[in-house]
Amino acid sequence: MSSVVKKTDVILIGAGVMSATLGTLLKELSPEWEIKTFEKLASAGEESSNEWNNAGTGHAALCELNYTTEKADGSIDITKAVNINEQFQLSRQFWAHLVRQNLLRNPGEFIRPIPHMSWVAGDKDVEFLSKRFKALSENPLFQGMDYSENHAQLQEWIPLMMQGREPSEKVAATKIDSGTDVNFGALTRLLFDHLKTRGVEVNYRYAVKDIKRAQGGGWRVKVQNLNNNQVEYHEARFLFIGAGGASLPLLQKTGIPESKHIGGFPVSGVFMVCKNQAIAEKHHAKVYGKAKLGAPPMSVPHLDTRYIDGKKALLFGPFAGFTPKFLKTGSNMDLIGSVKPSNLLTMLAAGAKEMGLTKYLVQQLMLSNAQRIAELREFIPEVKDEDWEVVIAGQRVQVIKDTPQGKGTLQFGTEVVSASDGSVSALLGASPGASTAVHVMLEVMQRCFPQQMPQWEEKIRAMIPSYGVRLSDEPELFKEIFDSTAEALGLEKIAEVRS
């Protein structure tokens, strides 16, 4: 064991897309800063960021029905959809900047154009989708979206889903061609490859064992080299915890007041993957349906075209499940170990309030393959069970915290927790997550580097032109930026502007 303390400017815990994004931003803004990364696994992007562990949707709220809600008066609230789309535009701009600078060489390795579609059946949901389409179409960010209830038109858009469907069935869909499929695993690996060329030290198979305040400020991190079991100590002025499901237990080790009264509830995911390549080739879209009554937002069913290892794939899901692990490679003691005196009441309150979620997860766990196929049949009427197999997706740890709405409220989103002095920040939660990584990391920087932000702003705007601007209020600027990022990234441009 070495008691020598090695000092650096920034430590990143976890080699996922969030750490990769923050590290890349900081190296662009302050190239002289020394950055170290510690990752428990053998390579980057192997947990939540991995391409098999998430939906790969460039979440811009183009198709996700749970981002738009129907209000009591029947109107559609698109506020969340607009905010998420604005955030995704920041990611597109930053990626395009990296491509233009030859820091990322081939964007086709991590992002491809793919139509995003919403799909519903039945009179009530068709009416909802029609109203949603009209509400979104009035916003510049959603221009180019089409709507149809016509079976012949839908047959052209989604032939696999329309084949064998009764002509009398009431169905509808929206389609927008400017959607994307993002391989976040590939993006993460490319970003870390780039960071290594910029002098960032990336340590794989290093497990963080403890985090303590360092004398004089900053943080001391105790890490174990899993290759030889030696223990090392590292100190940094700033610590970022981007370890997926493991972020909560690591945040708790800091002991900061902001880490109290926060819990986590793990939800696992299962996807069905098409084994028949001929079937997969018949579908070319990400099609999101509506979650069933009582189902949580992360269970919205979708039939997705994906590109993984350069090959087209077709996935359906997700089906939810439960395991006490906070990571796929975690421990069955993760959930119990995360319950502390400071969050016990929060966790108990959530347990009492979320009986519906518990019941739902138990039902999902008990699903047979035949029952999963029956759900898939709602999307593909002529599905054959021998064409599909089950793949276990990543773990998501939903945040539980005390809010004005009550104690122990379950959060379905991405949360940043930072110390009041800005010396440590952690990322918790789930979707839209990776798609909004640039927005989230800019938020971390605003909280943790308030003194540096004024001098960084000009450079940030050079990389991300819409930084500090709402593109939904600037349709001409949106088209200009959108088309320029589309050109850099090999994506679909916008045909027209609606003011």
Protein backbone atom coordinates (compact mmCIF):
# COMPACT_ATOMS: atom_id res chain seq x y z
CA MET A 1 0.00 0.00 0.00
CA SER A 2 1.26 3.47 -0.92
CA SER A 3 0.51 6.39 1.43
CA VAL A 4 1.92 8.88 -1.09
CA VAL A 5 -0.80 11.29 -2.19
CA LYS A 6 -0.80 12.20 -5.87
CA LYS A 7 -2.33 15.60 -6.61
CA THR A 8 -4.21 16.74 -9.69
CA ASP A 9 -6.74 19.38 -10.72
CA VAL A 10 -9.76 17.24 -11.59
CA ILE A 11 -10.76 13.65 -10.82
CA LEU A 12 -13.53 11.98 -12.82
CA ILE A 13 -15.04 8.83 -11.28
CA GLY A 14 -16.55 6.55 -13.93
CA ALA A 15 -15.66 6.33 -17.62
CA GLY A 16 -19.15 6.87 -19.00
CA VAL A 17 -20.51 9.46 -21.40
CA MET A 18 -20.95 12.09 -18.67
CA SER A 19 -17.32 11.99 -17.49
CA ALA A 20 -16.19 11.85 -21.13
CA THR A 21 -18.24 14.95 -21.94
CA LEU A 22 -17.13 16.93 -18.89
CA GLY A 23 -13.49 15.96 -19.42
CA THR A 24 -13.64 17.01 -23.07
CA LEU A 25 -15.31 20.36 -22.25
CA LEU A 26 -12.74 21.15 -19.55
CA LYS A 27 -9.80 20.24 -21.80
CA GLU A 28 -11.15 22.55 -24.50
CA LEU A 29 -11.61 25.41 -22.01
CA SER A 30 -8.56 24.94 -19.74
CA PRO A 31 -6.11 22.65 -21.59
CA GLU A 32 -3.48 23.13 -18.88
CA TRP A 33 -5.60 21.42 -16.21
CA GLU A 34 -4.54 17.93 -15.18
CA ILE A 35 -7.39 15.41 -15.25
CA LYS A 36 -7.48 11.82 -14.00
CA THR A 37 -10.25 9.26 -14.54
CA PHE A 38 -10.86 6.13 -12.47
CA GLU A 39 -13.07 3.36 -13.88
CA LYS A 40 -13.79 0.05 -12.13
CA LEU A 41 -14.30 -1.88 -15.38
CA ALA A 42 -11.75 -2.76 -18.05
CA SER A 43 -12.82 -0.16 -20.63
CA ALA A 44 -14.93 2.96 -21.18
CA GLY A 45 -18.68 3.04 -21.68
CA GLU A 46 -19.45 -0.44 -20.37
CA GLU A 47 -22.39 0.27 -18.04
CA SER A 48 -25.23 2.75 -18.64
CA SER A 49 -23.49 4.31 -21.65
CA ASN A 50 -23.05 0.97 -23.44
CA GLU A 51 -24.99 0.57 -26.67
CA TRP A 52 -26.74 -2.59 -25.43
CA ASN A 53 -27.73 -0.95 -22.15
CA ASN A 54 -29.82 1.98 -23.40
CA ALA A 55 -32.29 2.82 -26.16
CA GLY A 56 -29.77 4.74 -28.28
CA THR A 57 -32.40 7.39 -29.02
CA GLY A 58 -31.07 10.89 -29.47
CA HIS A 59 -33.75 12.13 -27.06
CA ALA A 60 -35.10 15.34 -28.59
CA ALA A 61 -38.76 14.72 -27.57
CA LEU A 62 -39.65 14.12 -31.22
CA CYS A 63 -41.39 10.82 -30.44
CA GLU A 64 -41.53 10.29 -26.67
CA LEU A 65 -45.17 10.74 -25.69
CA ASN A 66 -44.39 10.94 -21.96
CA TYR A 67 -42.69 14.32 -22.51
CA THR A 68 -46.05 15.89 -23.47
CA THR A 69 -49.03 15.78 -21.12
CA GLU A 70 -52.71 16.49 -21.57
CA LYS A 71 -53.97 19.18 -19.20
CA ALA A 72 -57.38 19.22 -17.52
CA ASP A 73 -58.78 21.50 -20.23
CA GLY A 74 -57.72 19.03 -22.95
CA SER A 75 -54.82 21.14 -24.23
CA ILE A 76 -51.31 19.67 -24.57
CA ASP A 77 -48.43 20.91 -22.43
CA ILE A 78 -45.26 20.77 -24.56
CA THR A 79 -42.98 22.59 -22.09
CA LYS A 80 -40.91 19.52 -21.16
CA ALA A 81 -40.62 18.42 -24.80
CA VAL A 82 -39.33 21.85 -25.85
CA ASN A 83 -36.80 21.96 -22.98
CA ILE A 84 -35.42 18.50 -23.78
CA ASN A 85 -35.16 19.35 -27.48
CA GLU A 86 -33.27 22.56 -26.64
CA GLN A 87 -30.88 20.52 -24.50
CA PHE A 88 -30.26 17.94 -27.23
CA GLN A 89 -29.38 20.74 -29.66
CA LEU A 90 -26.45 21.62 -27.36
CA SER A 91 -25.14 18.04 -27.64
CA ARG A 92 -25.43 18.13 -31.45
CA GLN A 93 -23.52 21.41 -31.61
CA PHE A 94 -20.70 20.21 -29.37
CA TRP A 95 -20.33 16.94 -31.29
CA ALA A 96 -20.31 18.87 -34.58
CA HIS A 97 -17.58 21.17 -33.20
CA LEU A 98 -15.44 18.16 -32.26
CA VAL A 99 -15.91 16.69 -35.76
CA ARG A 100 -15.01 19.99 -37.48
CA GLN A 101 -11.85 20.19 -35.36
CA ASN A 102 -10.94 16.59 -36.30
CA LEU A 103 -11.10 15.63 -32.63
CA LEU A 104 -13.77 13.08 -33.57
CA ARG A 105 -13.01 11.77 -37.06
CA ASN A 106 -15.98 9.75 -38.26
CA PRO A 107 -19.38 10.82 -36.88
CA GLY A 108 -21.03 7.81 -38.54
CA GLU A 109 -19.41 5.67 -35.86
CA PHE A 110 -21.68 7.17 -33.18
CA ILE A 111 -24.62 9.00 -34.80
CA ARG A 112 -26.90 8.24 -37.76
CA PRO A 113 -30.13 9.73 -39.12
CA ILE A 114 -33.25 7.74 -38.35
CA PRO A 115 -36.93 8.79 -38.44
CA HIS A 116 -38.53 9.29 -35.02
CA MET A 117 -42.18 8.25 -34.81
CA SER A 118 -44.98 8.26 -32.25
CA TRP A 119 -47.58 5.51 -32.58
CA VAL A 120 -51.01 5.06 -30.99
CA ALA A 121 -54.15 2.96 -31.42
CA GLY A 122 -57.76 3.59 -30.35
CA ASP A 123 -59.95 6.68 -30.57
CA LYS A 124 -58.80 8.33 -27.32
CA ASP A 125 -55.07 8.04 -28.01
CA VAL A 126 -55.48 9.01 -31.68
CA GLU A 127 -57.19 12.20 -30.56
CA PHE A 128 -54.33 12.83 -28.09
CA LEU A 129 -51.67 12.33 -30.79
CA SER A 130 -53.51 14.63 -33.20
CA LYS A 131 -53.59 17.40 -30.58
CA ARG A 132 -49.94 16.76 -29.68
CA PHE A 133 -48.93 17.03 -33.33
CA LYS A 134 -50.74 20.36 -33.72
CA ALA A 135 -49.18 21.78 -30.53
CA LEU A 136 -45.64 20.71 -31.47
CA SER A 137 -45.98 21.84 -35.09
CA GLU A 138 -46.38 25.44 -33.93
CA ASN A 139 -42.87 25.32 -32.43
CA PRO A 140 -39.85 25.79 -34.77
CA LEU A 141 -37.94 22.92 -33.09
CA PHE A 142 -40.48 20.37 -34.38
CA GLN A 143 -40.84 21.53 -37.98
CA GLY A 144 -40.87 18.77 -40.57
CA MET A 145 -43.13 16.53 -38.46
CA ASP A 146 -45.92 14.72 -40.36
CA TYR A 147 -49.11 13.14 -39.04
CA SER A 148 -51.25 10.40 -40.53
CA GLU A 149 -54.17 8.09 -39.71
CA ASN A 150 -54.19 6.76 -43.27
CA HIS A 151 -53.34 3.04 -43.46
CA ALA A 152 -51.82 3.38 -46.94
CA GLN A 153 -49.54 6.20 -45.77
CA LEU A 154 -48.59 4.27 -42.64
CA GLN A 155 -47.85 1.23 -44.79
CA GLU A 156 -45.16 3.30 -46.54
CA TRP A 157 -43.72 4.55 -43.26
CA ILE A 158 -43.78 1.36 -41.19
CA PRO A 159 -44.58 -1.66 -43.40
CA LEU A 160 -43.56 -4.20 -40.77
CA MET A 161 -46.02 -2.72 -38.26
CA MET A 162 -48.91 -2.43 -40.75
CA GLN A 163 -48.62 -5.89 -42.28
CA GLY A 164 -51.55 -8.05 -41.18
CA ARG A 165 -53.33 -5.20 -39.41
CA GLU A 166 -57.14 -4.96 -39.70
CA PRO A 167 -58.13 -2.11 -42.10
CA SER A 168 -60.78 -1.00 -39.60
CA GLU A 169 -58.28 -0.53 -36.75
CA LYS A 170 -58.03 3.10 -35.62
CA VAL A 171 -54.31 3.97 -35.58
CA ALA A 172 -52.19 7.07 -36.05
CA ALA A 173 -48.54 8.07 -36.16
CA THR A 174 -46.31 11.11 -36.38
CA LYS A 175 -43.02 10.97 -38.27
CA ILE A 176 -40.04 13.30 -38.39
CA ASP A 177 -37.01 12.43 -40.49
CA SER A 178 -34.51 14.57 -38.57
CA GLY A 179 -34.31 12.13 -35.64
CA THR A 180 -31.13 10.26 -34.73
CA ASP A 181 -29.81 6.95 -33.48
CA VAL A 182 -26.86 7.54 -31.15
CA ASN A 183 -24.40 4.85 -30.15
CA PHE A 184 -23.43 6.31 -26.78
CA GLY A 185 -21.00 3.48 -26.11
CA ALA A 186 -19.05 4.28 -29.29
CA LEU A 187 -19.20 8.02 -28.54
CA THR A 188 -17.87 7.46 -25.03
CA ARG A 189 -14.98 5.35 -26.28
CA LEU A 190 -14.11 7.91 -28.98
CA LEU A 191 -14.13 10.76 -26.46
CA PHE A 192 -11.85 8.90 -24.04
CA ASP A 193 -9.49 7.97 -26.89
CA HIS A 194 -9.32 11.69 -27.69
CA LEU A 195 -8.82 12.65 -24.02
CA LYS A 196 -5.85 10.30 -23.74
CA THR A 197 -4.17 12.16 -26.63
CA ARG A 198 -4.68 15.37 -24.63
CA GLY A 199 -2.79 14.00 -21.63
CA VAL A 200 -5.78 12.87 -19.56
CA GLU A 201 -4.83 9.89 -17.40
CA VAL A 202 -7.46 7.17 -17.76
CA ASN A 203 -7.14 4.34 -15.22
CA TYR A 204 -9.19 1.21 -15.92
CA ARG A 205 -9.86 -1.46 -13.30
CA TYR A 206 -9.47 1.06 -10.48
CA ALA A 207 -12.20 0.96 -7.81
CA VAL A 208 -12.91 3.99 -5.62
CA LYS A 209 -13.05 2.82 -2.01
CA ASP A 210 -13.44 6.06 -0.08
CA ILE A 211 -13.76 9.82 -0.49
CA LYS A 212 -12.71 12.31 2.21
CA ARG A 213 -12.20 16.05 2.45
CA ALA A 214 -8.58 16.97 1.79
CA GLN A 215 -6.68 19.36 4.03
CA GLY A 216 -6.81 22.83 2.55
CA GLY A 217 -9.83 22.05 0.35
CA GLY A 218 -10.65 19.62 -2.40
CA TRP A 219 -11.02 15.87 -2.02
CA ARG A 220 -8.85 12.86 -1.26
CA VAL A 221 -9.89 9.69 -3.08
CA LYS A 222 -8.79 6.23 -2.00
CA VAL A 223 -8.63 3.87 -4.98
CA GLN A 224 -7.69 0.23 -5.34
CA ASN A 225 -5.87 -0.96 -8.43
CA LEU A 226 -7.77 -4.17 -9.19
CA ASN A 227 -4.92 -5.41 -11.38
CA ASN A 228 -2.53 -5.78 -8.41
CA ASN A 229 -4.80 -4.87 -5.41
CA GLN A 230 -2.55 -1.96 -4.42
CA VAL A 231 -4.20 1.04 -2.78
CA GLU A 232 -3.46 4.59 -3.92
CA TYR A 233 -4.49 8.06 -2.74
CA HIS A 234 -5.25 10.92 -5.10
CA GLU A 235 -6.30 14.49 -4.37
CA ALA A 236 -8.06 16.99 -6.61
CA ARG A 237 -9.49 20.50 -6.32
CA PHE A 238 -12.63 19.26 -8.09
CA LEU A 239 -14.27 15.83 -8.07
CA PHE A 240 -16.98 14.65 -10.46
CA ILE A 241 -18.90 11.45 -9.70
CA GLY A 242 -20.30 10.08 -12.95
CA ALA A 243 -20.46 6.41 -12.06
CA GLY A 244 -24.02 5.60 -13.17
CA GLY A 245 -25.89 3.68 -10.50
CA ALA A 246 -22.79 3.73 -8.27
CA SER A 247 -22.89 7.54 -8.06
CA LEU A 248 -25.28 7.57 -5.09
CA PRO A 249 -23.15 5.37 -2.76
CA LEU A 250 -20.04 7.35 -3.75
CA LEU A 251 -21.81 10.66 -3.17
CA GLN A 252 -22.82 9.42 0.28
CA LYS A 253 -19.14 8.84 1.09
CA THR A 254 -18.45 12.58 0.69
CA GLY A 255 -20.77 13.35 3.62
CA ILE A 256 -21.80 16.70 2.11
CA PRO A 257 -25.17 18.02 3.39
CA GLU A 258 -26.56 17.86 -0.16
CA SER A 259 -26.11 14.07 -0.14
CA LYS A 260 -28.59 13.63 2.72
CA HIS A 261 -32.27 12.74 2.25
CA ILE A 262 -31.58 11.25 -1.19
CA GLY A 263 -32.17 7.60 -2.00
CA GLY A 264 -32.13 5.43 -5.07
CA PHE A 265 -34.44 2.76 -6.46
CA PRO A 266 -32.93 0.39 -9.03
CA VAL A 267 -34.94 -0.67 -12.08
CA SER A 268 -33.54 -3.15 -14.56
CA GLY A 269 -34.51 -3.36 -18.20
CA VAL A 270 -35.07 -6.15 -20.71
CA PHE A 271 -35.16 -5.74 -24.50
CA MET A 272 -36.22 -8.19 -27.16
CA VAL A 273 -33.82 -8.31 -30.11
CA CYS A 274 -34.71 -9.57 -33.58
CA LYS A 275 -32.51 -12.49 -34.63
CA ASN A 276 -33.83 -12.51 -38.21
CA GLN A 277 -31.89 -9.90 -40.20
CA ALA A 278 -34.46 -10.00 -43.02
CA ILE A 279 -37.14 -8.84 -40.56
CA ALA A 280 -34.87 -6.15 -39.11
CA GLU A 281 -34.28 -4.74 -42.60
CA LYS A 282 -38.04 -4.19 -43.08
CA HIS A 283 -38.19 -1.54 -40.35
CA HIS A 284 -36.43 1.82 -40.42
CA ALA A 285 -37.53 4.07 -37.55
CA LYS A 286 -37.65 4.54 -33.80
CA VAL A 287 -41.34 4.12 -32.98
CA TYR A 288 -42.50 5.07 -29.48
CA GLY A 289 -45.91 4.06 -28.16
CA LYS A 290 -47.82 5.03 -25.04
CA ALA A 291 -47.10 3.54 -21.63
CA LYS A 292 -49.90 1.39 -20.28
CA LEU A 293 -52.06 2.80 -17.48
CA GLY A 294 -50.13 2.66 -14.18
CA ALA A 295 -46.78 1.96 -15.85
CA PRO A 296 -43.84 4.27 -15.04
CA PRO A 297 -42.38 6.60 -17.72
CA MET A 298 -39.26 4.45 -18.23
CA SER A 299 -41.46 1.62 -19.51
CA VAL A 300 -42.75 3.38 -22.65
CA PRO A 301 -42.74 0.63 -25.34
CA HIS A 302 -40.72 1.33 -28.47
CA LEU A 303 -39.64 -0.56 -31.59
CA ASP A 304 -36.21 0.74 -32.49
CA THR A 305 -33.91 0.51 -35.45
CA ARG A 306 -30.38 0.60 -34.02
CA TYR A 307 -26.90 0.51 -35.52
CA ILE A 308 -24.57 -1.55 -33.35
CA ASP A 309 -21.11 -2.69 -34.46
CA GLY A 310 -21.91 -1.18 -37.88
CA LYS A 311 -24.89 -3.49 -38.35
CA LYS A 312 -28.61 -2.75 -38.38
CA ALA A 313 -30.49 -4.18 -35.41
CA LEU A 314 -34.13 -4.15 -34.31
CA LEU A 315 -35.03 -3.96 -30.61
CA PHE A 316 -38.34 -3.87 -28.75
CA GLY A 317 -38.94 -2.96 -25.14
CA PRO A 318 -38.15 -2.11 -22.51
CA PHE A 319 -39.70 -4.56 -20.10
CA ALA A 320 -38.94 -3.54 -16.53
CA GLY A 321 -37.47 -5.76 -13.87
CA PHE A 322 -36.03 -5.52 -10.40
CA THR A 323 -32.70 -6.42 -8.87
CA PRO A 324 -31.13 -4.76 -5.80
CA LYS A 325 -27.97 -4.08 -7.84
CA PHE A 326 -27.20 -0.45 -8.76
CA LEU A 327 -25.08 -1.56 -11.74
CA LYS A 328 -25.21 -4.64 -13.98
CA THR A 329 -21.81 -5.49 -12.53
CA GLY A 330 -22.88 -4.40 -9.03
CA SER A 331 -23.66 -6.22 -5.79
CA ASN A 332 -26.95 -7.57 -4.44
CA MET A 333 -26.19 -5.49 -1.33
CA ASP A 334 -26.23 -2.16 -3.24
CA LEU A 335 -29.79 -1.15 -2.36
CA ILE A 336 -29.56 -2.10 1.34
CA GLY A 337 -26.12 -0.49 1.60
CA SER A 338 -27.49 2.81 0.26
CA VAL A 339 -30.00 3.13 3.10
CA LYS A 340 -28.45 5.42 5.74
CA PRO A 341 -29.84 7.14 8.86
CA SER A 342 -29.98 10.36 6.82
CA ASN A 343 -32.27 8.92 4.12
CA LEU A 344 -34.15 6.17 5.99
CA LEU A 345 -37.38 8.18 6.36
CA THR A 346 -37.14 9.31 2.73
CA MET A 347 -36.83 5.70 1.55
CA LEU A 348 -39.65 4.48 3.83
CA ALA A 349 -41.95 7.24 2.57
CA ALA A 350 -41.19 6.27 -1.03
CA GLY A 351 -41.91 2.63 -0.25
CA ALA A 352 -45.33 3.55 1.12
CA LYS A 353 -46.15 5.87 -1.80
CA GLU A 354 -44.90 3.67 -4.63
CA MET A 355 -46.85 0.47 -4.06
CA GLY A 356 -48.16 0.80 -7.62
CA LEU A 357 -44.63 0.75 -9.02
CA THR A 358 -43.73 -2.24 -6.85
CA LYS A 359 -46.78 -4.12 -8.12
CA TYR A 360 -45.90 -3.20 -11.71
CA LEU A 361 -42.30 -4.45 -11.34
CA VAL A 362 -43.48 -7.73 -9.81
CA GLN A 363 -45.85 -8.23 -12.77
CA GLN A 364 -43.03 -7.46 -15.21
CA LEU A 365 -40.71 -9.93 -13.49
CA MET A 366 -43.31 -12.68 -13.87
CA LEU A 367 -43.81 -12.11 -17.62
CA SER A 368 -43.21 -15.19 -19.75
CA ASN A 369 -41.63 -15.01 -23.19
CA ALA A 370 -45.08 -15.63 -24.70
CA GLN A 371 -46.47 -12.62 -22.80
CA ARG A 372 -43.62 -10.42 -24.04
CA ILE A 373 -44.32 -11.57 -27.59
CA ALA A 374 -48.00 -10.69 -27.06
CA GLU A 375 -46.97 -7.11 -26.23
CA LEU A 376 -44.69 -7.01 -29.26
CA ARG A 377 -47.65 -8.19 -31.37
CA GLU A 378 -49.35 -4.85 -30.69
CA PHE A 379 -46.53 -3.33 -32.75
CA ILE A 380 -45.91 -6.20 -35.20
CA PRO A 381 -49.14 -8.18 -35.75
CA GLU A 382 -47.42 -11.02 -37.65
CA VAL A 383 -44.51 -11.46 -35.23
CA LYS A 384 -42.97 -14.95 -34.89
CA ASP A 385 -41.48 -15.75 -31.49
CA GLU A 386 -38.58 -17.72 -32.99
CA ASP A 387 -37.30 -14.48 -34.59
CA TRP A 388 -36.72 -12.79 -31.23
CA GLU A 389 -34.51 -13.26 -28.16
CA VAL A 390 -34.17 -11.50 -24.81
CA VAL A 391 -31.26 -9.20 -23.90
CA ILE A 392 -30.75 -7.73 -20.42
CA ALA A 393 -30.31 -3.96 -20.65
CA GLY A 394 -28.66 -1.59 -18.17
CA GLN A 395 -29.60 -0.72 -14.60
CA ARG A 396 -31.26 2.61 -13.88
CA VAL A 397 -31.30 4.01 -10.36
CA GLN A 398 -34.27 6.35 -10.05
CA VAL A 399 -33.69 9.19 -7.58
CA ILE A 400 -35.84 9.39 -4.45
CA LYS A 401 -35.82 12.70 -2.59
CA ASP A 402 -37.90 15.02 -0.46
CA THR A 403 -39.65 17.67 -2.55
CA PRO A 404 -42.42 20.27 -2.03
CA GLN A 405 -44.74 17.51 -3.31
CA GLY A 406 -43.87 15.38 -0.30
CA LYS A 407 -41.29 13.19 1.38
CA GLY A 408 -39.78 10.32 -0.57
CA THR A 409 -40.85 11.43 -4.05
CA LEU A 410 -39.63 9.26 -6.93
CA GLN A 411 -37.94 11.29 -9.68
CA PHE A 412 -37.96 10.18 -13.34
CA GLY A 413 -35.13 12.23 -14.77
CA THR A 414 -31.53 13.35 -14.49
CA GLU A 415 -30.36 15.07 -11.28
CA VAL A 416 -27.16 16.98 -10.51
CA VAL A 417 -26.12 17.18 -6.84
CA SER A 418 -23.29 19.58 -5.99
CA ALA A 419 -21.60 20.78 -2.81
CA SER A 420 -22.25 24.41 -1.87
CA ASP A 421 -18.56 25.24 -2.43
CA GLY A 422 -18.60 23.62 -5.90
CA SER A 423 -15.77 21.21 -5.07
CA VAL A 424 -17.74 18.04 -5.85
CA SER A 425 -20.66 17.20 -8.11
CA ALA A 426 -22.48 13.96 -8.82
CA LEU A 427 -24.90 12.90 -11.53
CA LEU A 428 -27.86 10.77 -10.51
CA GLY A 429 -30.98 9.48 -12.27
CA ALA A 430 -31.84 8.27 -15.74
CA SER A 431 -33.42 9.36 -19.04
CA PRO A 432 -32.99 11.61 -21.00
CA GLY A 433 -29.49 11.33 -19.53
CA ALA A 434 -26.86 10.74 -22.20
CA SER A 435 -28.70 12.70 -24.90
CA THR A 436 -28.51 15.85 -22.79
CA ALA A 437 -24.97 15.23 -21.49
CA VAL A 438 -23.61 18.56 -22.76
CA HIS A 439 -26.44 20.56 -21.15
CA VAL A 440 -26.00 18.66 -17.87
CA MET A 441 -22.22 19.12 -17.81
CA LEU A 442 -22.58 22.85 -18.57
CA GLU A 443 -24.90 22.98 -15.54
CA VAL A 444 -22.21 21.25 -13.46
CA MET A 445 -19.65 23.82 -14.66
CA GLN A 446 -21.96 26.76 -13.86
CA ARG A 447 -22.44 25.45 -10.32
CA CYS A 448 -18.85 24.41 -9.66
CA PHE A 449 -16.73 26.91 -11.62
CA PRO A 450 -18.56 30.25 -11.19
CA GLN A 451 -15.26 32.19 -11.21
CA GLN A 452 -14.05 30.63 -14.46
CA MET A 453 -17.34 30.74 -16.38
CA PRO A 454 -17.14 34.43 -17.41
CA GLN A 455 -13.75 33.86 -19.08
CA TRP A 456 -14.93 30.56 -20.62
CA GLU A 457 -18.17 31.91 -22.11
CA GLU A 458 -16.72 33.16 -25.40
CA LYS A 459 -15.08 29.79 -26.07
CA ILE A 460 -18.25 27.92 -25.06
CA ARG A 461 -20.29 29.96 -27.55
CA ALA A 462 -17.73 29.24 -30.27
CA MET A 463 -18.25 25.52 -29.67
CA ILE A 464 -21.99 25.70 -28.84
CA PRO A 465 -23.52 28.71 -30.64
CA SER A 466 -26.92 28.46 -28.95
CA TYR A 467 -25.44 28.51 -25.43
CA GLY A 468 -27.64 30.89 -23.41
CA VAL A 469 -30.17 31.24 -26.26
CA ARG A 470 -33.59 29.61 -26.60
CA LEU A 471 -33.67 28.35 -30.18
CA SER A 472 -37.43 27.91 -30.02
CA ASP A 473 -37.60 31.74 -29.92
CA GLU A 474 -35.17 32.13 -32.83
CA PRO A 475 -36.45 30.06 -35.80
CA GLU A 476 -33.94 31.42 -38.35
CA LEU A 477 -31.00 30.84 -36.01
CA PHE A 478 -32.32 27.36 -35.23
CA LYS A 479 -32.42 26.42 -38.93
CA GLU A 480 -28.93 27.81 -39.50
CA ILE A 481 -27.43 25.91 -36.54
CA PHE A 482 -29.43 22.75 -37.16
CA ASP A 483 -28.41 22.54 -40.81
CA SER A 484 -24.74 23.24 -40.07
CA THR A 485 -24.63 20.51 -37.39
CA ALA A 486 -26.47 18.17 -39.76
CA GLU A 487 -23.80 18.75 -42.40
CA ALA A 488 -20.96 18.10 -39.96
CA LEU A 489 -22.58 14.99 -38.49
CA GLY A 490 -24.03 13.52 -41.70
CA LEU A 491 -27.65 14.01 -40.63
CA GLU A 492 -30.91 15.24 -42.18
CA LYS A 493 -31.34 18.98 -42.70
CA ILE A 494 -34.56 20.98 -42.27
CA ALA A 495 -36.52 21.81 -45.40
CA GLU A 496 -38.31 24.95 -44.24
CA VAL A 497 -38.76 27.37 -41.38
CA ARG A 498 -42.08 28.14 -39.75
CA SER A 499 -42.08 31.39 -37.84
